[in-house]
C-alpha atoms as a PDB file:
ATOM      1  CA  GLU A   1     -97.841  38.949 -13.765  1.00  0.00           C
ATOM      2  CA  ALA A   2     -95.584  38.292 -10.788  1.00  0.00           C
ATOM      3  CA  CYS A   3     -97.491  40.916  -8.875  1.00  0.00           C
ATOM      4  CA  SER A   4    -100.807  39.383  -9.929  1.00  0.00           C
ATOM      5  CA  SER A   5     -99.583  35.940  -8.981  1.00  0.00           C
ATOM      6  CA  GLY A   6     -98.504  37.225  -5.577  1.00  0.00           C
ATOM      7  CA  SER A   7    -101.865  38.873  -5.031  1.00  0.00           C
ATOM      8  CA  ASN A   8    -103.723  35.671  -5.896  1.00  0.00           C
ATOM      9  CA  SER A   9    -101.519  33.683  -3.565  1.00  0.00           C
ATOM     10  CA  MET A  10    -102.136  36.149  -0.732  1.00  0.00           C
ATOM     11  CA  ALA A  11    -105.896  36.119  -1.366  1.00  0.00           C
ATOM     12  CA  THR A  12    -105.914  32.345  -1.325  1.00  0.00           C
ATOM     13  CA  SER A  13    -103.958  32.357   1.905  1.00  0.00           C
ATOM     14  CA  ASN A  14    -106.352  34.871   3.481  1.00  0.00           C
ATOM     15  CA  LEU A  15    -109.327  32.815   2.341  1.00  0.00           C
ATOM     16  CA  ASN A  16    -107.814  29.695   3.822  1.00  0.00           C
ATOM     17  CA  ASN A  17    -107.153  31.525   7.090  1.00  0.00           C
ATOM     18  CA  CYS A  18    -110.717  32.833   7.099  1.00  0.00           C
ATOM     19  CA  LEU A  19    -112.124  29.379   6.461  1.00  0.00           C
ATOM     20  CA  SER A  20    -109.914  27.960   9.179  1.00  0.00           C
ATOM     21  CA  ASN A  21    -111.071  30.598  11.648  1.00  0.00           C
ATOM     22  CA  CYS A  22    -114.703  29.971  10.720  1.00  0.00           C
ATOM     23  CA  MET A  23    -114.257  26.241  11.302  1.00  0.00           C
ATOM     24  CA  GLU A  24    -112.703  26.906  14.676  1.00  0.00           C
ATOM     25  CA  ILE A  25    -115.647  29.155  15.587  1.00  0.00           C
ATOM     26  CA  ILE A  26    -118.137  26.556  14.386  1.00  0.00           C
ATOM     27  CA  VAL A  27    -116.400  23.798  16.383  1.00  0.00           C
ATOM     28  CA  SER A  28    -116.298  26.086  19.418  1.00  0.00           C
ATOM     29  CA  ILE A  29    -120.016  26.879  19.079  1.00  0.00           C
ATOM     30  CA  LYS A  30    -120.779  23.201  18.630  1.00  0.00           C
ATOM     31  CA  LYS A  31    -118.859  22.323  21.783  1.00  0.00           C
ATOM     32  CA  SER A  32    -120.578  25.141  23.655  1.00  0.00           C
ATOM     33  CA  LEU A  33    -123.959  23.922  22.488  1.00  0.00           C
ATOM     34  CA  SER A  34    -123.057  20.386  23.499  1.00  0.00           C
ATOM     35  CA  ARG A  35    -122.037  21.538  26.960  1.00  0.00           C
ATOM     36  CA  LEU A  36    -125.190  23.627  27.237  1.00  0.00           C
ATOM     37  CA  ALA A  37    -127.327  20.704  26.133  1.00  0.00           C
ATOM     38  CA  TYR A  38    -125.540  18.447  28.625  1.00  0.00           C
ATOM     39  CA  PHE A  39    -126.027  20.823  31.512  1.00  0.00           C
ATOM     40  CA  SER A  40    -129.646  21.447  30.476  1.00  0.00           C
ATOM     41  CA  LEU A  41    -130.287  17.718  30.421  1.00  0.00           C
ATOM     42  CA  ALA A  42    -128.543  17.254  33.766  1.00  0.00           C
ATOM     43  CA  LEU A  43    -130.570  20.089  35.277  1.00  0.00           C
ATOM     44  CA  LEU A  44    -133.775  18.584  33.895  1.00  0.00           C
ATOM     45  CA  VAL A  45    -132.910  15.198  35.425  1.00  0.00           C
ATOM     46  CA  ILE A  46    -132.147  16.797  38.801  1.00  0.00           C
ATOM     47  CA  LEU A  47    -135.366  18.826  38.788  1.00  0.00           C
ATOM     48  CA  THR A  48    -137.404  15.803  37.753  1.00  0.00           C
ATOM     49  CA  ALA A  49    -135.856  13.672  40.485  1.00  0.00           C
ATOM     50  CA  GLY A  50    -136.525  16.424  43.009  1.00  0.00           C
ATOM     51  CA  LEU A  51    -140.138  16.732  41.903  1.00  0.00           C
ATOM     52  CA  VAL A  52    -140.649  12.974  42.131  1.00  0.00           C
ATOM     53  CA  THR A  53    -139.144  12.984  45.619  1.00  0.00           C
ATOM     54  CA  VAL A  54    -141.444  15.807  46.702  1.00  0.00           C
ATOM     55  CA  LEU A  55    -144.496  14.052  45.267  1.00  0.00           C
ATOM     56  CA  VAL A  56    -143.597  10.734  46.896  1.00  0.00           C
ATOM     57  CA  THR A  57    -142.938  12.462  50.215  1.00  0.00           C
ATOM     58  CA  ALA A  58    -146.232  14.354  50.005  1.00  0.00           C
ATOM     59  CA  GLU A  59    -148.102  11.174  49.110  1.00  0.00           C
ATOM     60  CA  SER A  60    -146.458   9.332  51.998  1.00  0.00           C
ATOM     61  CA  ALA A  61    -147.300  12.165  54.405  1.00  0.00           C
ATOM     62  CA  GLN A  62    -150.898  12.170  53.207  1.00  0.00           C
ATOM     63  CA  ALA A  63    -151.120   8.408  53.684  1.00  0.00           C
ATOM     64  CA  GLN A  64    -149.750   8.749  57.216  1.00  0.00           C
ATOM     65  CA  SER A  65    -152.219  11.546  57.934  1.00  0.00           C
ATOM     66  CA  ALA A  66    -155.120   9.466  56.639  1.00  0.00           C
ATOM     67  CA  LEU A  67    -154.077   6.537  58.818  1.00  0.00           C
ATOM     68  CA  SER A  68    -153.723   8.788  61.861  1.00  0.00           C
ATOM     69  CA  GLY A  69    -157.105  10.420  61.209  1.00  0.00           C
ATOM     70  CA  LYS A  70    -158.777   7.045  60.831  1.00  0.00           C
ATOM     71  CA  GLY A  71    -157.341   6.013  64.192  1.00  0.00           C
ATOM     72  CA  PHE A  72    -158.728   9.167  65.800  1.00  0.00           C
ATOM     73  CA  VAL A  73    -162.219   8.464  64.478  1.00  0.00           C
ATOM     74  CA  GLN A  74    -162.121   4.808  65.503  1.00  0.00           C
ATOM     75  CA  SER A  75    -160.952   5.646  69.029  1.00  0.00           C
ATOM     76  CA  PHE A  76    -163.820   8.112  69.359  1.00  0.00           C
ATOM     77  CA  TYR A  77    -166.479   5.540  68.454  1.00  0.00           C
ATOM     78  CA  THR A  78    -164.813   2.851  70.545  1.00  0.00           C
ATOM     79  CA  TRP A  79    -165.235   5.224  73.489  1.00  0.00           C
ATOM     80  CA  TYR A  80    -168.617   6.688  72.583  1.00  0.00           C
ATOM     81  CA  ILE A  81    -170.749   3.611  71.843  1.00  0.00           C
ATOM     82  CA  PRO A  82    -170.424   2.185  75.407  1.00  0.00           C
ATOM     83  CA  GLU A  83    -171.037   5.678  76.820  1.00  0.00           C
ATOM     84  CA  MET A  84    -174.487   5.696  75.231  1.00  0.00           C
ATOM     85  CA  THR A  85    -175.681   2.788  77.370  1.00  0.00           C
ATOM     86  CA  LYS A  86    -174.342   3.980  80.735  1.00  0.00           C
ATOM     87  CA  ASN A  87    -177.037   4.513  83.348  1.00  0.00           C
ATOM     88  CA  VAL A  88    -175.947   7.935  84.576  1.00  0.00           C
ATOM     89  CA  PRO A  89    -177.875  11.176  85.194  1.00  0.00           C
ATOM     90  CA  VAL A  90    -176.172  13.116  82.405  1.00  0.00           C
ATOM     91  CA  PRO A  91    -177.156  11.910  78.887  1.00  0.00           C
ATOM     92  CA  SER A  92    -174.374  10.864  76.552  1.00  0.00           C
ATOM     93  CA  ASN A  93    -175.034  13.754  74.167  1.00  0.00           C
ATOM     94  CA  GLU A  94    -174.255  16.154  77.017  1.00  0.00           C
ATOM     95  CA  ARG A  95    -171.325  14.198  78.467  1.00  0.00           C
ATOM     96  CA  ILE A  96    -169.614  14.068  75.120  1.00  0.00           C
ATOM     97  CA  LEU A  97    -169.424  17.859  74.922  1.00  0.00           C
ATOM     98  CA  LYS A  98    -167.758  17.988  78.339  1.00  0.00           C
ATOM     99  CA  VAL A  99    -165.517  14.938  78.321  1.00  0.00           C
ATOM    100  CA  ARG A 100    -164.527  15.134  74.651  1.00  0.00           C
ATOM    101  CA  ALA A 101    -164.869  18.876  74.005  1.00  0.00           C
ATOM    102  CA  SER A 102    -161.341  19.008  72.587  1.00  0.00           C
ATOM    103  CA  SER A 103    -162.381  16.513  69.889  1.00  0.00           C
ATOM    104  CA  PHE A 104    -164.570  19.118  68.199  1.00  0.00           C
ATOM    105  CA  SER A 105    -163.733  22.278  66.308  1.00  0.00           C
ATOM    106  CA  PRO A 106    -164.686  25.478  68.196  1.00  0.00           C
ATOM    107  CA  GLU A 107    -167.426  26.262  65.666  1.00  0.00           C
ATOM    108  CA  LEU A 108    -169.060  22.842  65.834  1.00  0.00           C
ATOM    109  CA  LEU A 109    -168.728  22.643  69.629  1.00  0.00           C
ATOM    110  CA  ALA A 110    -170.421  26.030  70.079  1.00  0.00           C
ATOM    111  CA  MET A 111    -173.279  25.074  67.769  1.00  0.00           C
ATOM    112  CA  LEU A 112    -173.873  21.763  69.560  1.00  0.00           C
ATOM    113  CA  LYS A 113    -173.877  23.429  72.965  1.00  0.00           C
ATOM    114  CA  GLU A 114    -176.308  26.077  71.778  1.00  0.00           C
ATOM    115  CA  ASP A 115    -178.630  23.392  70.442  1.00  0.00           C
ATOM    116  CA  LEU A 116    -178.630  21.624  73.825  1.00  0.00           C
ATOM    117  CA  VAL A 117    -179.330  24.837  75.707  1.00  0.00           C
ATOM    118  CA  GLU A 118    -182.222  25.829  73.436  1.00  0.00           C
ATOM    119  CA  SER A 119    -183.716  22.328  73.563  1.00  0.00           C
ATOM    120  CA  ALA A 120    -183.622  22.365  77.377  1.00  0.00           C
ATOM    121  CA  LYS A 121    -185.704  25.546  77.423  1.00  0.00           C
ATOM    122  CA  VAL A 122    -188.719  23.780  75.925  1.00  0.00           C
ATOM    123  CA  PRO A 123    -188.552  20.116  76.984  1.00  0.00           C
ATOM    124  CA  GLY A 124    -192.012  19.370  75.649  1.00  0.00           C
ATOM    125  CA  GLU A 125    -191.173  20.416  72.106  1.00  0.00           C
ATOM    126  CA  ILE A 126    -188.595  19.481  69.501  1.00  0.00           C
ATOM    127  CA  VAL A 127    -186.647  22.632  68.709  1.00  0.00           C
ATOM    128  CA  GLY A 128    -183.238  21.011  68.369  1.00  0.00           C
ATOM    129  CA  LEU A 129    -181.659  17.761  67.252  1.00  0.00           C
ATOM    130  CA  ASP A 130    -184.031  14.800  67.530  1.00  0.00           C
ATOM    131  CA  PHE A 131    -181.406  12.167  66.703  1.00  0.00           C
ATOM    132  CA  ASP A 132    -177.869  11.315  67.709  1.00  0.00           C
ATOM    133  CA  PRO A 133    -175.707  13.182  65.174  1.00  0.00           C
ATOM    134  CA  TYR A 134    -172.591  11.093  65.860  1.00  0.00           C
ATOM    135  CA  ILE A 135    -174.167   7.767  64.908  1.00  0.00           C
ATOM    136  CA  ASN A 136    -176.870   9.231  62.631  1.00  0.00           C
ATOM    137  CA  GLY A 137    -179.659   7.397  64.385  1.00  0.00           C
ATOM    138  CA  GLN A 138    -181.779   6.994  67.488  1.00  0.00           C
ATOM    139  CA  GLU A 139    -181.090   3.386  68.417  1.00  0.00           C
ATOM    140  CA  THR A 140    -177.945   2.423  70.287  1.00  0.00           C
ATOM    141  CA  PRO A 141    -175.541   0.430  68.102  1.00  0.00           C
ATOM    142  CA  THR A 142    -173.041  -2.087  69.464  1.00  0.00           C
ATOM    143  CA  ARG A 143    -170.084  -1.307  67.234  1.00  0.00           C
ATOM    144  CA  TYR A 144    -169.028   1.228  64.644  1.00  0.00           C
ATOM    145  CA  LEU A 145    -166.020   0.685  62.380  1.00  0.00           C
ATOM    146  CA  ALA A 146    -163.959   3.393  60.654  1.00  0.00           C
ATOM    147  CA  GLY A 147    -163.312   2.571  57.019  1.00  0.00           C
ATOM    148  CA  LYS A 148    -162.210   4.442  53.921  1.00  0.00           C
ATOM    149  CA  VAL A 149    -160.561   7.833  54.384  1.00  0.00           C
ATOM    150  CA  ILE A 150    -161.229  10.415  51.667  1.00  0.00           C
ATOM    151  CA  PRO A 151    -159.036  13.548  51.404  1.00  0.00           C
ATOM    152  CA  LYS A 152    -161.078  16.726  50.902  1.00  0.00           C
ATOM    153  CA  GLY A 153    -158.720  19.692  50.615  1.00  0.00           C
ATOM    154  CA  LYS A 154    -157.274  20.229  54.094  1.00  0.00           C
ATOM    155  CA  SER A 155    -159.848  17.931  55.660  1.00  0.00           C
ATOM    156  CA  TYR A 156    -160.578  14.213  55.581  1.00  0.00           C
ATOM    157  CA  TRP A 157    -163.918  12.411  55.392  1.00  0.00           C
ATOM    158  CA  VAL A 158    -163.905   9.059  57.177  1.00  0.00           C
ATOM    159  CA  GLU A 159    -166.571   6.511  56.291  1.00  0.00           C
ATOM    160  CA  VAL A 160    -167.921   4.810  59.415  1.00  0.00           C
ATOM    161  CA  PHE A 161    -169.923   1.590  59.179  1.00  0.00           C
ATOM    162  CA  ASP A 162    -172.380  -0.090  61.550  1.00  0.00           C
ATOM    163  CA  LEU A 163    -171.377  -3.593  62.633  1.00  0.00           C
ATOM    164  CA  SER A 164    -174.186  -4.080  65.145  1.00  0.00           C
ATOM    165  CA  ASP A 165    -175.630  -7.183  63.448  1.00  0.00           C
ATOM    166  CA  GLY A 166    -172.209  -8.771  63.048  1.00  0.00           C
ATOM    167  CA  LYS A 167    -171.874  -7.697  59.428  1.00  0.00           C
ATOM    168  CA  LYS A 168    -170.541  -4.497  57.948  1.00  0.00           C
ATOM    169  CA  SER A 169    -173.313  -2.254  56.623  1.00  0.00           C
ATOM    170  CA  LYS A 170    -173.305  -1.796  52.863  1.00  0.00           C
ATOM    171  CA  VAL A 171    -173.179   1.981  53.101  1.00  0.00           C
ATOM    172  CA  PRO A 172    -171.599   4.225  55.753  1.00  0.00           C
ATOM    173  CA  ALA A 173    -173.853   5.021  58.702  1.00  0.00           C
ATOM    174  CA  VAL A 174    -172.141   8.383  59.074  1.00  0.00           C
ATOM    175  CA  ILE A 175    -169.134  10.174  57.581  1.00  0.00           C
ATOM    176  CA  PRO A 176    -167.298  12.389  60.082  1.00  0.00           C
ATOM    177  CA  GLU A 177    -165.240  15.216  58.634  1.00  0.00           C
ATOM    178  CA  ILE A 178    -161.975  15.770  60.493  1.00  0.00           C
ATOM    179  CA  LYS A 179    -159.102  18.215  60.335  1.00  0.00           C
ATOM    180  CA  PHE A 180    -155.664  18.361  61.944  1.00  0.00           C
ATOM    181  CA  VAL A 181    -155.510  21.611  63.904  1.00  0.00           C
ATOM    182  CA  LYS A 182    -152.809  22.770  66.321  1.00  0.00           C
ATOM    183  CA  GLY A 183    -151.290  19.341  66.733  1.00  0.00           C
ATOM    184  CA  GLN A 184    -154.482  17.308  67.073  1.00  0.00           C
ATOM    185  CA  TRP A 185    -157.435  15.951  65.136  1.00  0.00           C
ATOM    186  CA  VAL A 186    -160.875  17.513  65.573  1.00  0.00           C
ATOM    187  CA  PHE A 187    -164.318  16.838  64.159  1.00  0.00           C
ATOM    188  CA  THR A 188    -165.471  19.720  61.967  1.00  0.00           C
ATOM    189  CA  ASN A 189    -168.708  18.182  60.691  1.00  0.00           C
ATOM    190  CA  PHE A 190    -170.660  14.942  60.284  1.00  0.00           C
ATOM    191  CA  HIS A 191    -172.063  13.998  56.889  1.00  0.00           C
ATOM    192  CA  TYR A 192    -175.063  11.803  56.144  1.00  0.00           C
ATOM    193  CA  ALA A 193    -176.657  10.163  53.117  1.00  0.00           C
ATOM    194  CA  LYS A 194    -177.900  12.409  50.344  1.00  0.00           C
ATOM    195  CA  THR A 195    -181.597  13.260  50.462  1.00  0.00           C
ATOM    196  CA  HIS A 196    -184.088  15.448  48.617  1.00  0.00           C
ATOM    197  CA  ILE A 197    -183.462  18.022  51.371  1.00  0.00           C
ATOM    198  CA  PRO A 198    -179.785  19.076  51.027  1.00  0.00           C
ATOM    199  CA  GLU A 199    -179.687  20.807  54.427  1.00  0.00           C
ATOM    200  CA  ASN A 200    -180.198  17.402  56.079  1.00  0.00           C
ATOM    201  CA  GLU A 201    -177.019  15.996  54.575  1.00  0.00           C
ATOM    202  CA  ASN A 202    -174.615  17.283  57.246  1.00  0.00           C
ATOM    203  CA  LEU A 203    -174.724  18.280  60.901  1.00  0.00           C
ATOM    204  CA  ILE A 204    -173.700  21.927  60.560  1.00  0.00           C
ATOM    205  CA  SER A 205    -176.385  22.666  57.982  1.00  0.00           C
ATOM    206  CA  ILE A 206    -178.979  20.930  60.193  1.00  0.00           C
ATOM    207  CA  LEU A 207    -177.945  22.978  63.228  1.00  0.00           C
ATOM    208  CA  LYS A 208    -178.099  26.185  61.186  1.00  0.00           C
ATOM    209  CA  ALA A 209    -181.575  25.304  59.907  1.00  0.00           C
ATOM    210  CA  LEU A 210    -182.801  24.523  63.433  1.00  0.00           C
ATOM    211  CA  LYS A 211    -181.447  27.824  64.730  1.00  0.00           C
ATOM    212  CA  ALA A 212    -183.100  29.737  61.889  1.00  0.00           C
ATOM    213  CA  SER A 213    -186.378  27.962  62.643  1.00  0.00           C
ATOM    214  CA  ARG A 214    -186.156  28.902  66.339  1.00  0.00           C
ATOM    215  CA  LEU A 215    -185.443  32.538  65.513  1.00  0.00           C
ATOM    216  CA  LYS A 216    -188.365  32.635  63.114  1.00  0.00           C
ATOM    217  CA  TYR A 217    -190.631  31.132  65.775  1.00  0.00           C
ATOM    218  CA  ASP A 218    -189.512  33.696  68.350  1.00  0.00           C
ATOM    219  CA  GLN A 219    -190.315  36.552  65.972  1.00  0.00           C
ATOM    220  CA  GLU A 220    -193.875  35.372  65.336  1.00  0.00           C
END
């Protein structure tokens, strides 16, 4: 019986030690989980703050870009409108491609020059642009005003309104498309009102259609 009593006492002691060790492990795991949760939460807060900062910075940069682009467009029209009425031998649509060549993307500049050259070959016929693509009209306005700037991927569309009658037109007269390339803004296209003929809705598509028409005529 003494032996049995001793065995029971030892078993109880071992059980107590085991339970004690288990509690210590559980407490340790709990603390570890708490620390892990704390650091996870802290990391989440830091990442969230960083993301917010990036988004705010990007939004601010985009706003600055839009403002800068709008200024570029306005300065162009402030210069161009008076140029249209100057009594000089070289028409404004030719002068613009010499004086302000750097304001156009290489692709658009080349297409405009080609259109002028081809039109000059047959002065009695209309084989090129028959309107001013920068104002989207044939009559000389007195003032154009740059308005809303719309981001379009890496480009911006700037709504430009006619203020010739002293009041802002209800819809944009023309919507230049601009892009910031190699440290400066350039025109990449000019957009017009939607029509039943989609190719007439922007300058590049019009120039392409005119070129295709000339090539077809030459082949006949």
